Amino acid sequence: MAQLPQDIEPQISRFYLSGNKLNNSLSNATFIRYRHIVYLDLSNNSLSRLPAGIFLLLFRLRILDLRENLLTHVPNSTFLGLANLRTLHLAGNSIISLDTWAFYGLSSLSTL
């Protein structure tokens, strides 16, 4: 799968998208319809970047799994909109730079 199917119910609360080669298909509008997501697994998708604003409307999200991707840089406000996020998994990425405000807005984060 290189992109999300179009027939996913907007009320879905858990997305298990690990291992789907989504690198070039994610945009800032990818999850705009899915405001009920509390768990999002994007691990092992060869993601080299996260589009600005991709998580902006996911205020219910509690767990975000970005393990085993190709992320090397985390720009400012990458996680903006995730005020209720409690767990962020980033292991298995070769992150070499974090902008000063990369984690801005993660006021509930307890596990990184």
PDB file of N, CA and C in Angstrom:
ATOM      1  N   MET A   1       0.850  -1.175   0.000  1.00  0.00           N
ATOM      2  CA  MET A   1       0.000   0.000   0.000  1.00  0.00           C
ATOM      3  C   MET A   1       0.894   1.237   0.000  1.00  0.00           C
ATOM      4  N   ALA A   2       0.703   2.122  -0.917  1.00  0.00           N
ATOM      5  CA  ALA A   2       1.498   3.344  -0.989  1.00  0.00           C
ATOM      6  C   ALA A   2       0.690   4.580  -0.608  1.00  0.00           C
ATOM      7  N   GLN A   3      -0.594   4.410  -0.348  1.00  0.00           N
ATOM      8  CA  GLN A   3      -1.431   5.508   0.115  1.00  0.00           C
ATOM      9  C   GLN A   3      -2.592   4.929   0.912  1.00  0.00           C
ATOM     10  N   LEU A   4      -3.268   5.768   1.666  1.00  0.00           N
ATOM     11  CA  LEU A   4      -4.397   5.299   2.467  1.00  0.00           C
ATOM     12  C   LEU A   4      -5.587   4.986   1.575  1.00  0.00           C
ATOM     13  N   PRO A   5      -6.322   3.917   1.896  1.00  0.00           N
ATOM     14  CA  PRO A   5      -7.550   3.634   1.150  1.00  0.00           C
ATOM     15  C   PRO A   5      -8.557   4.767   1.355  1.00  0.00           C
ATOM     16  N   GLN A   6      -9.392   5.001   0.376  1.00  0.00           N
ATOM     17  CA  GLN A   6     -10.357   6.094   0.440  1.00  0.00           C
ATOM     18  C   GLN A   6     -11.619   5.750   1.217  1.00  0.00           C
ATOM     19  N   ASP A   7     -11.838   4.473   1.539  1.00  0.00           N
ATOM     20  CA  ASP A   7     -13.087   4.059   2.177  1.00  0.00           C
ATOM     21  C   ASP A   7     -12.964   3.847   3.689  1.00  0.00           C
ATOM     22  N   ILE A   8     -12.012   4.484   4.334  1.00  0.00           N
ATOM     23  CA  ILE A   8     -11.842   4.353   5.784  1.00  0.00           C
ATOM     24  C   ILE A   8     -12.866   5.239   6.486  1.00  0.00           C
ATOM     25  N   GLU A   9     -13.525   4.670   7.484  1.00  0.00           N
ATOM     26  CA  GLU A   9     -14.528   5.420   8.251  1.00  0.00           C
ATOM     27  C   GLU A   9     -13.873   6.571   9.003  1.00  0.00           C
ATOM     28  N   PRO A  10     -14.423   7.772   8.938  1.00  0.00           N
ATOM     29  CA  PRO A  10     -13.847   8.932   9.632  1.00  0.00           C
ATOM     30  C   PRO A  10     -13.833   8.783  11.155  1.00  0.00           C
ATOM     31  N   GLN A  11     -14.662   7.894  11.714  1.00  0.00           N
ATOM     32  CA  GLN A  11     -14.728   7.709  13.162  1.00  0.00           C
ATOM     33  C   GLN A  11     -13.658   6.761  13.704  1.00  0.00           C
ATOM     34  N   ILE A  12     -12.810   6.246  12.842  1.00  0.00           N
ATOM     35  CA  ILE A  12     -11.781   5.305  13.279  1.00  0.00           C
ATOM     36  C   ILE A  12     -10.936   5.935  14.385  1.00  0.00           C
ATOM     37  N   SER A  13     -10.565   5.131  15.382  1.00  0.00           N
ATOM     38  CA  SER A  13      -9.792   5.668  16.498  1.00  0.00           C
ATOM     39  C   SER A  13      -8.382   5.096  16.565  1.00  0.00           C
ATOM     40  N   ARG A  14      -8.124   4.021  15.847  1.00  0.00           N
ATOM     41  CA  ARG A  14      -6.785   3.416  15.850  1.00  0.00           C
ATOM     42  C   ARG A  14      -6.359   3.102  14.417  1.00  0.00           C
ATOM     43  N   PHE A  15      -5.192   3.600  14.070  1.00  0.00           N
ATOM     44  CA  PHE A  15      -4.622   3.343  12.745  1.00  0.00           C
ATOM     45  C   PHE A  15      -3.348   2.518  12.907  1.00  0.00           C
ATOM     46  N   TYR A  16      -3.337   1.308  12.356  1.00  0.00           N
ATOM     47  CA  TYR A  16      -2.159   0.461  12.349  1.00  0.00           C
ATOM     48  C   TYR A  16      -1.633   0.445  10.916  1.00  0.00           C
ATOM     49  N   LEU A  17      -0.695   1.325  10.622  1.00  0.00           N
ATOM     50  CA  LEU A  17      -0.206   1.492   9.248  1.00  0.00           C
ATOM     51  C   LEU A  17       1.262   1.107   9.098  1.00  0.00           C
ATOM     52  N   SER A  18       1.759   0.309   9.994  1.00  0.00           N
ATOM     53  CA  SER A  18       3.164  -0.090   9.970  1.00  0.00           C
ATOM     54  C   SER A  18       3.501  -0.879   8.705  1.00  0.00           C
ATOM     55  N   GLY A  19       4.691  -0.600   8.139  1.00  0.00           N
ATOM     56  CA  GLY A  19       5.201  -1.371   7.014  1.00  0.00           C
ATOM     57  C   GLY A  19       4.469  -1.190   5.704  1.00  0.00           C
ATOM     58  N   ASN A  20       3.957  -0.008   5.422  1.00  0.00           N
ATOM     59  CA  ASN A  20       3.187   0.208   4.204  1.00  0.00           C
ATOM     60  C   ASN A  20       3.837   1.116   3.169  1.00  0.00           C
ATOM     61  N   LYS A  21       5.080   1.460   3.356  1.00  0.00           N
ATOM     62  CA  LYS A  21       5.818   2.279   2.384  1.00  0.00           C
ATOM     63  C   LYS A  21       5.072   3.569   2.046  1.00  0.00           C
ATOM     64  N   LEU A  22       4.703   4.300   3.075  1.00  0.00           N
ATOM     65  CA  LEU A  22       3.916   5.522   2.902  1.00  0.00           C
ATOM     66  C   LEU A  22       4.763   6.767   2.688  1.00  0.00           C
ATOM     67  N   ASN A  23       6.062   6.641   2.550  1.00  0.00           N
ATOM     68  CA  ASN A  23       6.967   7.788   2.538  1.00  0.00           C
ATOM     69  C   ASN A  23       6.525   8.934   1.642  1.00  0.00           C
ATOM     70  N   ASN A  24       6.216   8.677   0.415  1.00  0.00           N
ATOM     71  CA  ASN A  24       5.893   9.750  -0.526  1.00  0.00           C
ATOM     72  C   ASN A  24       4.413  10.084  -0.608  1.00  0.00           C
ATOM     73  N   SER A  25       3.584   9.425   0.161  1.00  0.00           N
ATOM     74  CA  SER A  25       2.146   9.643   0.040  1.00  0.00           C
ATOM     75  C   SER A  25       1.555  10.494   1.162  1.00  0.00           C
ATOM     76  N   LEU A  26       2.292  10.764   2.216  1.00  0.00           N
ATOM     77  CA  LEU A  26       1.760  11.561   3.321  1.00  0.00           C
ATOM     78  C   LEU A  26       1.822  13.049   3.006  1.00  0.00           C
ATOM     79  N   SER A  27       0.747  13.746   3.380  1.00  0.00           N
ATOM     80  CA  SER A  27       0.706  15.198   3.205  1.00  0.00           C
ATOM     81  C   SER A  27       0.071  15.808   4.453  1.00  0.00           C
ATOM     82  N   ASN A  28      -0.014  17.121   4.495  1.00  0.00           N
ATOM     83  CA  ASN A  28      -0.632  17.764   5.648  1.00  0.00           C
ATOM     84  C   ASN A  28      -2.139  17.498   5.695  1.00  0.00           C
ATOM     85  N   ALA A  29      -2.710  16.933   4.655  1.00  0.00           N
ATOM     86  CA  ALA A  29      -4.138  16.627   4.620  1.00  0.00           C
ATOM     87  C   ALA A  29      -4.451  15.141   4.831  1.00  0.00           C
ATOM     88  N   THR A  30      -3.443  14.308   4.993  1.00  0.00           N
ATOM     89  CA  THR A  30      -3.637  12.858   5.084  1.00  0.00           C
ATOM     90  C   THR A  30      -4.627  12.454   6.176  1.00  0.00           C
ATOM     91  N   PHE A  31      -4.511  13.034   7.354  1.00  0.00           N
ATOM     92  CA  PHE A  31      -5.337  12.604   8.484  1.00  0.00           C
ATOM     93  C   PHE A  31      -6.429  13.608   8.853  1.00  0.00           C
ATOM     94  N   ILE A  32      -6.697  14.559   7.987  1.00  0.00           N
ATOM     95  CA  ILE A  32      -7.634  15.636   8.296  1.00  0.00           C
ATOM     96  C   ILE A  32      -9.055  15.127   8.586  1.00  0.00           C
ATOM     97  N   ARG A  33      -9.450  14.029   7.994  1.00  0.00           N
ATOM     98  CA  ARG A  33     -10.792  13.462   8.196  1.00  0.00           C
ATOM     99  C   ARG A  33     -10.900  12.623   9.462  1.00  0.00           C
ATOM    100  N   TYR A  34      -9.780  12.312  10.085  1.00  0.00           N
ATOM    101  CA  TYR A  34      -9.753  11.322  11.158  1.00  0.00           C
ATOM    102  C   TYR A  34      -9.439  11.952  12.510  1.00  0.00           C
ATOM    103  N   ARG A  35     -10.308  12.786  12.981  1.00  0.00           N
ATOM    104  CA  ARG A  35     -10.082  13.539  14.219  1.00  0.00           C
ATOM    105  C   ARG A  35     -10.308  12.722  15.484  1.00  0.00           C
ATOM    106  N   HIS A  36     -10.714  11.464  15.335  1.00  0.00           N
ATOM    107  CA  HIS A  36     -10.970  10.608  16.495  1.00  0.00           C
ATOM    108  C   HIS A  36      -9.799   9.681  16.807  1.00  0.00           C
ATOM    109  N   ILE A  37      -8.732   9.781  16.072  1.00  0.00           N
ATOM    110  CA  ILE A  37      -7.591   8.877  16.260  1.00  0.00           C
ATOM    111  C   ILE A  37      -6.952   9.098  17.636  1.00  0.00           C
ATOM    112  N   VAL A  38      -6.770   7.999  18.371  1.00  0.00           N
ATOM    113  CA  VAL A  38      -6.064   8.044  19.652  1.00  0.00           C
ATOM    114  C   VAL A  38      -4.738   7.278  19.573  1.00  0.00           C
ATOM    115  N   TYR A  39      -4.613   6.405  18.574  1.00  0.00           N
ATOM    116  CA  TYR A  39      -3.393   5.609  18.385  1.00  0.00           C
ATOM    117  C   TYR A  39      -3.039   5.625  16.899  1.00  0.00           C
ATOM    118  N   LEU A  40      -1.809   6.000  16.587  1.00  0.00           N
ATOM    119  CA  LEU A  40      -1.374   6.053  15.183  1.00  0.00           C
ATOM    120  C   LEU A  40      -0.004   5.394  15.053  1.00  0.00           C
ATOM    121  N   ASP A  41       0.043   4.281  14.319  1.00  0.00           N
ATOM    122  CA  ASP A  41       1.286   3.543  14.102  1.00  0.00           C
ATOM    123  C   ASP A  41       1.749   3.773  12.665  1.00  0.00           C
ATOM    124  N   LEU A  42       2.804   4.584  12.530  1.00  0.00           N
ATOM    125  CA  LEU A  42       3.425   4.848  11.220  1.00  0.00           C
ATOM    126  C   LEU A  42       4.836   4.267  11.173  1.00  0.00           C
ATOM    127  N   SER A  43       5.092   3.278  11.993  1.00  0.00           N
ATOM    128  CA  SER A  43       6.430   2.691  12.054  1.00  0.00           C
ATOM    129  C   SER A  43       6.767   1.933  10.766  1.00  0.00           C
ATOM    130  N   ASN A  44       8.069   1.854  10.491  1.00  0.00           N
ATOM    131  CA  ASN A  44       8.579   1.062   9.364  1.00  0.00           C
ATOM    132  C   ASN A  44       7.907   1.425   8.035  1.00  0.00           C
ATOM    133  N   ASN A  45       7.881   2.710   7.723  1.00  0.00           N
ATOM    134  CA  ASN A  45       7.284   3.188   6.470  1.00  0.00           C
ATOM    135  C   ASN A  45       8.272   3.955   5.595  1.00  0.00           C
ATOM    136  N   SER A  46       9.543   3.910   5.915  1.00  0.00           N
ATOM    137  CA  SER A  46      10.579   4.631   5.156  1.00  0.00           C
ATOM    138  C   SER A  46      10.316   6.132   5.114  1.00  0.00           C
ATOM    139  N   LEU A  47       9.696   6.669   6.165  1.00  0.00           N
ATOM    140  CA  LEU A  47       9.426   8.105   6.213  1.00  0.00           C
ATOM    141  C   LEU A  47      10.731   8.863   6.418  1.00  0.00           C
ATOM    142  N   SER A  48      11.034   9.758   5.496  1.00  0.00           N
ATOM    143  CA  SER A  48      12.246  10.570   5.628  1.00  0.00           C
ATOM    144  C   SER A  48      11.918  11.974   6.129  1.00  0.00           C
ATOM    145  N   ARG A  49      10.644  12.331   6.074  1.00  0.00           N
ATOM    146  CA  ARG A  49      10.194  13.632   6.586  1.00  0.00           C
ATOM    147  C   ARG A  49       8.724  13.523   6.966  1.00  0.00           C
ATOM    148  N   LEU A  50       8.310  14.452   7.820  1.00  0.00           N
ATOM    149  CA  LEU A  50       6.908  14.554   8.201  1.00  0.00           C
ATOM    150  C   LEU A  50       6.411  15.901   7.700  1.00  0.00           C
ATOM    151  N   PRO A  51       5.412  15.909   6.838  1.00  0.00           N
ATOM    152  CA  PRO A  51       4.919  17.173   6.293  1.00  0.00           C
ATOM    153  C   PRO A  51       4.444  18.124   7.395  1.00  0.00           C
ATOM    154  N   ALA A  52       4.721  19.395   7.236  1.00  0.00           N
ATOM    155  CA  ALA A  52       4.277  20.409   8.196  1.00  0.00           C
ATOM    156  C   ALA A  52       2.761  20.338   8.350  1.00  0.00           C
ATOM    157  N   GLY A  53       2.295  20.318   9.583  1.00  0.00           N
ATOM    158  CA  GLY A  53       0.866  20.313   9.855  1.00  0.00           C
ATOM    159  C   GLY A  53       0.181  18.970   9.738  1.00  0.00           C
ATOM    160  N   ILE A  54       0.929  17.897   9.542  1.00  0.00           N
ATOM    161  CA  ILE A  54       0.299  16.581   9.348  1.00  0.00           C
ATOM    162  C   ILE A  54      -0.521  16.136  10.557  1.00  0.00           C
ATOM    163  N   PHE A  55      -0.120  16.558  11.765  1.00  0.00           N
ATOM    164  CA  PHE A  55      -0.826  16.132  12.976  1.00  0.00           C
ATOM    165  C   PHE A  55      -1.702  17.238  13.569  1.00  0.00           C
ATOM    166  N   LEU A  56      -1.848  18.335  12.889  1.00  0.00           N
ATOM    167  CA  LEU A  56      -2.465  19.535  13.439  1.00  0.00           C
ATOM    168  C   LEU A  56      -3.852  19.323  14.060  1.00  0.00           C
ATOM    169  N   LEU A  57      -4.692  18.512  13.477  1.00  0.00           N
ATOM    170  CA  LEU A  57      -6.058  18.329  13.968  1.00  0.00           C
ATOM    171  C   LEU A  57      -6.254  17.042  14.776  1.00  0.00           C
ATOM    172  N   LEU A  58      -5.171  16.374  15.120  1.00  0.00           N
ATOM    173  CA  LEU A  58      -5.273  15.106  15.852  1.00  0.00           C
ATOM    174  C   LEU A  58      -5.143  15.323  17.355  1.00  0.00           C
ATOM    175  N   PHE A  59      -5.959  16.215  17.896  1.00  0.00           N
ATOM    176  CA  PHE A  59      -5.857  16.587  19.306  1.00  0.00           C
ATOM    177  C   PHE A  59      -6.208  15.454  20.264  1.00  0.00           C
ATOM    178  N   ARG A  60      -6.860  14.390  19.782  1.00  0.00           N
ATOM    179  CA  ARG A  60      -7.189  13.246  20.642  1.00  0.00           C
ATOM    180  C   ARG A  60      -6.065  12.207  20.696  1.00  0.00           C
ATOM    181  N   LEU A  61      -5.092  12.331  19.825  1.00  0.00           N
ATOM    182  CA  LEU A  61      -4.024  11.336  19.733  1.00  0.00           C
ATOM    183  C   LEU A  61      -3.269  11.213  21.048  1.00  0.00           C
ATOM    184  N   ARG A  62      -3.100   9.954  21.517  1.00  0.00           N
ATOM    185  CA  ARG A  62      -2.393   9.672  22.767  1.00  0.00           C
ATOM    186  C   ARG A  62      -1.051   8.991  22.521  1.00  0.00           C
ATOM    187  N   ILE A  63      -0.998   8.149  21.467  1.00  0.00           N
ATOM    188  CA  ILE A  63       0.219   7.386  21.167  1.00  0.00           C
ATOM    189  C   ILE A  63       0.546   7.535  19.683  1.00  0.00           C
ATOM    190  N   LEU A  64       1.793   7.929  19.405  1.00  0.00           N
ATOM    191  CA  LEU A  64       2.279   8.071  18.028  1.00  0.00           C
ATOM    192  C   LEU A  64       3.545   7.248  17.885  1.00  0.00           C
ATOM    193  N   ASP A  65       3.520   6.281  16.980  1.00  0.00           N
ATOM    194  CA  ASP A  65       4.657   5.382  16.771  1.00  0.00           C
ATOM    195  C   ASP A  65       5.319   5.694  15.428  1.00  0.00           C
ATOM    196  N   LEU A  66       6.515   6.247  15.500  1.00  0.00           N
ATOM    197  CA  LEU A  66       7.294   6.578  14.301  1.00  0.00           C
ATOM    198  C   LEU A  66       8.602   5.777  14.245  1.00  0.00           C
ATOM    199  N   ARG A  67       8.647   4.653  14.921  1.00  0.00           N
ATOM    200  CA  ARG A  67       9.864   3.836  14.969  1.00  0.00           C
ATOM    201  C   ARG A  67      10.263   3.309  13.592  1.00  0.00           C
ATOM    202  N   GLU A  68      11.576   3.068  13.477  1.00  0.00           N
ATOM    203  CA  GLU A  68      12.140   2.386  12.299  1.00  0.00           C
ATOM    204  C   GLU A  68      11.785   3.062  10.982  1.00  0.00           C
ATOM    205  N   ASN A  69      11.937   4.374  10.927  1.00  0.00           N
ATOM    206  CA  ASN A  69      11.780   5.118   9.690  1.00  0.00           C
ATOM    207  C   ASN A  69      13.129   5.711   9.301  1.00  0.00           C
ATOM    208  N   LEU A  70      13.139   6.666   8.428  1.00  0.00           N
ATOM    209  CA  LEU A  70      14.381   7.277   7.941  1.00  0.00           C
ATOM    210  C   LEU A  70      14.465   8.747   8.335  1.00  0.00           C
ATOM    211  N   LEU A  71      13.854   9.102   9.451  1.00  0.00           N
ATOM    212  CA  LEU A  71      13.852  10.489   9.903  1.00  0.00           C
ATOM    213  C   LEU A  71      15.243  10.895  10.389  1.00  0.00           C
ATOM    214  N   THR A  72      15.740  12.024   9.891  1.00  0.00           N
ATOM    215  CA  THR A  72      17.045  12.535  10.315  1.00  0.00           C
ATOM    216  C   THR A  72      16.932  13.931  10.926  1.00  0.00           C
ATOM    217  N   HIS A  73      15.861  14.632  10.644  1.00  0.00           N
ATOM    218  CA  HIS A  73      15.677  15.999  11.111  1.00  0.00           C
ATOM    219  C   HIS A  73      14.234  16.181  11.588  1.00  0.00           C
ATOM    220  N   VAL A  74      14.089  16.844  12.731  1.00  0.00           N
ATOM    221  CA  VAL A  74      12.758  17.160  13.246  1.00  0.00           C
ATOM    222  C   VAL A  74      12.632  18.682  13.294  1.00  0.00           C
ATOM    223  N   PRO A  75      11.887  19.266  12.348  1.00  0.00           N
ATOM    224  CA  PRO A  75      11.754  20.723  12.293  1.00  0.00           C
ATOM    225  C   PRO A  75      10.823  21.269  13.374  1.00  0.00           C
ATOM    226  N   ASN A  76      10.856  22.579  13.546  1.00  0.00           N
ATOM    227  CA  ASN A  76       9.982  23.259  14.496  1.00  0.00           C
ATOM    228  C   ASN A  76       8.526  22.903  14.253  1.00  0.00           C
ATOM    229  N   SER A  77       7.789  22.744  15.342  1.00  0.00           N
ATOM    230  CA  SER A  77       6.335  22.527  15.321  1.00  0.00           C
ATOM    231  C   SER A  77       5.893  21.264  14.584  1.00  0.00           C
ATOM    232  N   THR A  78       6.778  20.292  14.450  1.00  0.00           N
ATOM    233  CA  THR A  78       6.412  19.040  13.792  1.00  0.00           C
ATOM    234  C   THR A  78       5.197  18.399  14.452  1.00  0.00           C
ATOM    235  N   PHE A  79       5.129  18.479  15.768  1.00  0.00           N
ATOM    236  CA  PHE A  79       4.068  17.801  16.503  1.00  0.00           C
ATOM    237  C   PHE A  79       2.985  18.760  16.998  1.00  0.00           C
ATOM    238  N   LEU A  80       2.897  19.913  16.378  1.00  0.00           N
ATOM    239  CA  LEU A  80       1.887  20.902  16.742  1.00  0.00           C
ATOM    240  C   LEU A  80       0.489  20.311  16.590  1.00  0.00           C
ATOM    241  N   GLY A  81      -0.353  20.518  17.589  1.00  0.00           N
ATOM    242  CA  GLY A  81      -1.705  19.978  17.576  1.00  0.00           C
ATOM    243  C   GLY A  81      -1.864  18.755  18.458  1.00  0.00           C
ATOM    244  N   LEU A  82      -0.753  18.219  18.950  1.00  0.00           N
ATOM    245  CA  LEU A  82      -0.797  16.980  19.731  1.00  0.00           C
ATOM    246  C   LEU A  82      -0.689  17.244  21.233  1.00  0.00           C
ATOM    247  N   ALA A  83      -1.510  18.145  21.722  1.00  0.00           N
ATOM    248  CA  ALA A  83      -1.455  18.531  23.144  1.00  0.00           C
ATOM    249  C   ALA A  83      -1.777  17.379  24.093  1.00  0.00           C
ATOM    250  N   ASN A  84      -2.488  16.363  23.635  1.00  0.00           N
ATOM    251  CA  ASN A  84      -2.842  15.229  24.494  1.00  0.00           C
ATOM    252  C   ASN A  84      -1.954  14.011  24.289  1.00  0.00           C
ATOM    253  N   LEU A  85      -0.943  14.133  23.423  1.00  0.00           N
ATOM    254  CA  LEU A  85      -0.038  13.002  23.166  1.00  0.00           C
ATOM    255  C   LEU A  85       0.720  12.657  24.436  1.00  0.00           C
ATOM    256  N   ARG A  86       0.709  11.373  24.791  1.00  0.00           N
ATOM    257  CA  ARG A  86       1.408  10.922  25.991  1.00  0.00           C
ATOM    258  C   ARG A  86       2.658  10.122  25.665  1.00  0.00           C
ATOM    259  N   THR A  87       2.630   9.409  24.527  1.00  0.00           N
ATOM    260  CA  THR A  87       3.757   8.545  24.171  1.00  0.00           C
ATOM    261  C   THR A  87       4.157   8.796  22.721  1.00  0.00           C
ATOM    262  N   LEU A  88       5.461   9.049  22.524  1.00  0.00           N
ATOM    263  CA  LEU A  88       6.016   9.265  21.189  1.00  0.00           C
ATOM    264  C   LEU A  88       7.196   8.329  21.004  1.00  0.00           C
ATOM    265  N   HIS A  89       7.075   7.416  20.046  1.00  0.00           N
ATOM    266  CA  HIS A  89       8.137   6.447  19.765  1.00  0.00           C
ATOM    267  C   HIS A  89       8.945   6.924  18.554  1.00  0.00           C
ATOM    268  N   LEU A  90      10.239   7.137  18.754  1.00  0.00           N
ATOM    269  CA  LEU A  90      11.123   7.587  17.672  1.00  0.00           C
ATOM    270  C   LEU A  90      12.334   6.675  17.487  1.00  0.00           C
ATOM    271  N   ALA A  91      12.434   5.602  18.236  1.00  0.00           N
ATOM    272  CA  ALA A  91      13.584   4.698  18.157  1.00  0.00           C
ATOM    273  C   ALA A  91      13.747   4.150  16.743  1.00  0.00           C
ATOM    274  N   GLY A  92      14.990   3.897  16.359  1.00  0.00           N
ATOM    275  CA  GLY A  92      15.253   3.316  15.051  1.00  0.00           C
ATOM    276  C   GLY A  92      15.330   4.333  13.929  1.00  0.00           C
ATOM    277  N   ASN A  93      15.341   5.610  14.261  1.00  0.00           N
ATOM    278  CA  ASN A  93      15.560   6.677  13.285  1.00  0.00           C
ATOM    279  C   ASN A  93      16.961   7.218  13.520  1.00  0.00           C
ATOM    280  N   SER A  94      17.548   7.789  12.509  1.00  0.00           N
ATOM    281  CA  SER A  94      18.887   8.375  12.641  1.00  0.00           C
ATOM    282  C   SER A  94      18.775   9.890  12.739  1.00  0.00           C
ATOM    283  N   ILE A  95      18.104  10.339  13.782  1.00  0.00           N
ATOM    284  CA  ILE A  95      17.874  11.776  13.953  1.00  0.00           C
ATOM    285  C   ILE A  95      19.198  12.440  14.337  1.00  0.00           C
ATOM    286  N   ILE A  96      19.607  13.398  13.495  1.00  0.00           N
ATOM    287  CA  ILE A  96      20.859  14.107  13.754  1.00  0.00           C
ATOM    288  C   ILE A  96      20.637  15.566  14.127  1.00  0.00           C
ATOM    289  N   SER A  97      19.421  16.076  13.889  1.00  0.00           N
ATOM    290  CA  SER A  97      19.151  17.456  14.285  1.00  0.00           C
ATOM    291  C   SER A  97      17.697  17.649  14.697  1.00  0.00           C
ATOM    292  N   LEU A  98      17.556  18.432  15.759  1.00  0.00           N
ATOM    293  CA  LEU A  98      16.239  18.816  16.274  1.00  0.00           C
ATOM    294  C   LEU A  98      16.212  20.334  16.323  1.00  0.00           C
ATOM    295  N   ASP A  99      15.216  20.942  15.680  1.00  0.00           N
ATOM    296  CA  ASP A  99      15.072  22.387  15.797  1.00  0.00           C
ATOM    297  C   ASP A  99      14.641  22.724  17.224  1.00  0.00           C
ATOM    298  N   THR A 100      14.890  23.935  17.635  1.00  0.00           N
ATOM    299  CA  THR A 100      14.630  24.385  18.991  1.00  0.00           C
ATOM    300  C   THR A 100      13.202  24.109  19.452  1.00  0.00           C
ATOM    301  N   TRP A 101      12.241  24.324  18.589  1.00  0.00           N
ATOM    302  CA  TRP A 101      10.835  24.151  18.936  1.00  0.00           C
ATOM    303  C   TRP A 101      10.230  22.898  18.300  1.00  0.00           C
ATOM    304  N   ALA A 102      11.032  21.883  18.050  1.00  0.00           N
ATOM    305  CA  ALA A 102      10.559  20.657  17.403  1.00  0.00           C
ATOM    306  C   ALA A 102       9.426  19.983  18.184  1.00  0.00           C
ATOM    307  N   PHE A 103       9.519  20.016  19.508  1.00  0.00           N
ATOM    308  CA  PHE A 103       8.517  19.341  20.338  1.00  0.00           C
ATOM    309  C   PHE A 103       7.501  20.311  20.939  1.00  0.00           C
ATOM    310  N   TYR A 104       7.410  21.492  20.370  1.00  0.00           N
ATOM    311  CA  TYR A 104       6.486  22.507  20.864  1.00  0.00           C
ATOM    312  C   TYR A 104       5.044  21.982  20.821  1.00  0.00           C
ATOM    313  N   GLY A 105       4.326  22.177  21.907  1.00  0.00           N
ATOM    314  CA  GLY A 105       2.924  21.776  21.976  1.00  0.00           C
ATOM    315  C   GLY A 105       2.680  20.426  22.609  1.00  0.00           C
ATOM    316  N   LEU A 106       3.731  19.697  22.928  1.00  0.00           N
ATOM    317  CA  LEU A 106       3.574  18.363  23.525  1.00  0.00           C
ATOM    318  C   LEU A 106       3.496  18.470  25.042  1.00  0.00           C
ATOM    319  N   SER A 107       2.492  19.154  25.527  1.00  0.00           N
ATOM    320  CA  SER A 107       2.381  19.448  26.958  1.00  0.00           C
ATOM    321  C   SER A 107       2.018  18.244  27.822  1.00  0.00           C
ATOM    322  N   SER A 108       1.497  17.161  27.246  1.00  0.00           N
ATOM    323  CA  SER A 108       1.116  15.971  28.017  1.00  0.00           C
ATOM    324  C   SER A 108       2.100  14.823  27.850  1.00  0.00           C
ATOM    325  N   LEU A 109       3.158  15.009  27.089  1.00  0.00           N
ATOM    326  CA  LEU A 109       4.102  13.926  26.789  1.00  0.00           C
ATOM    327  C   LEU A 109       4.770  13.412  28.061  1.00  0.00           C
ATOM    328  N   SER A 110       4.696  12.091  28.262  1.00  0.00           N
ATOM    329  CA  SER A 110       5.343  11.477  29.423  1.00  0.00           C
ATOM    330  C   SER A 110       6.380  10.434  29.018  1.00  0.00           C
ATOM    331  N   THR A 111       6.300   9.929  27.782  1.00  0.00           N
ATOM    332  CA  THR A 111       7.250   8.910  27.320  1.00  0.00           C
ATOM    333  C   THR A 111       7.757   9.254  25.936  1.00  0.00           C
ATOM    334  N   LEU A 112       9.077   9.389  25.846  1.00  0.00           N
ATOM    335  CA  LEU A 112       9.723   9.683  24.557  1.00  0.00           C
ATOM    336  C   LEU A 112      10.771   8.615  24.317  1.00  0.00           C
TER     337      LEU A 112
END
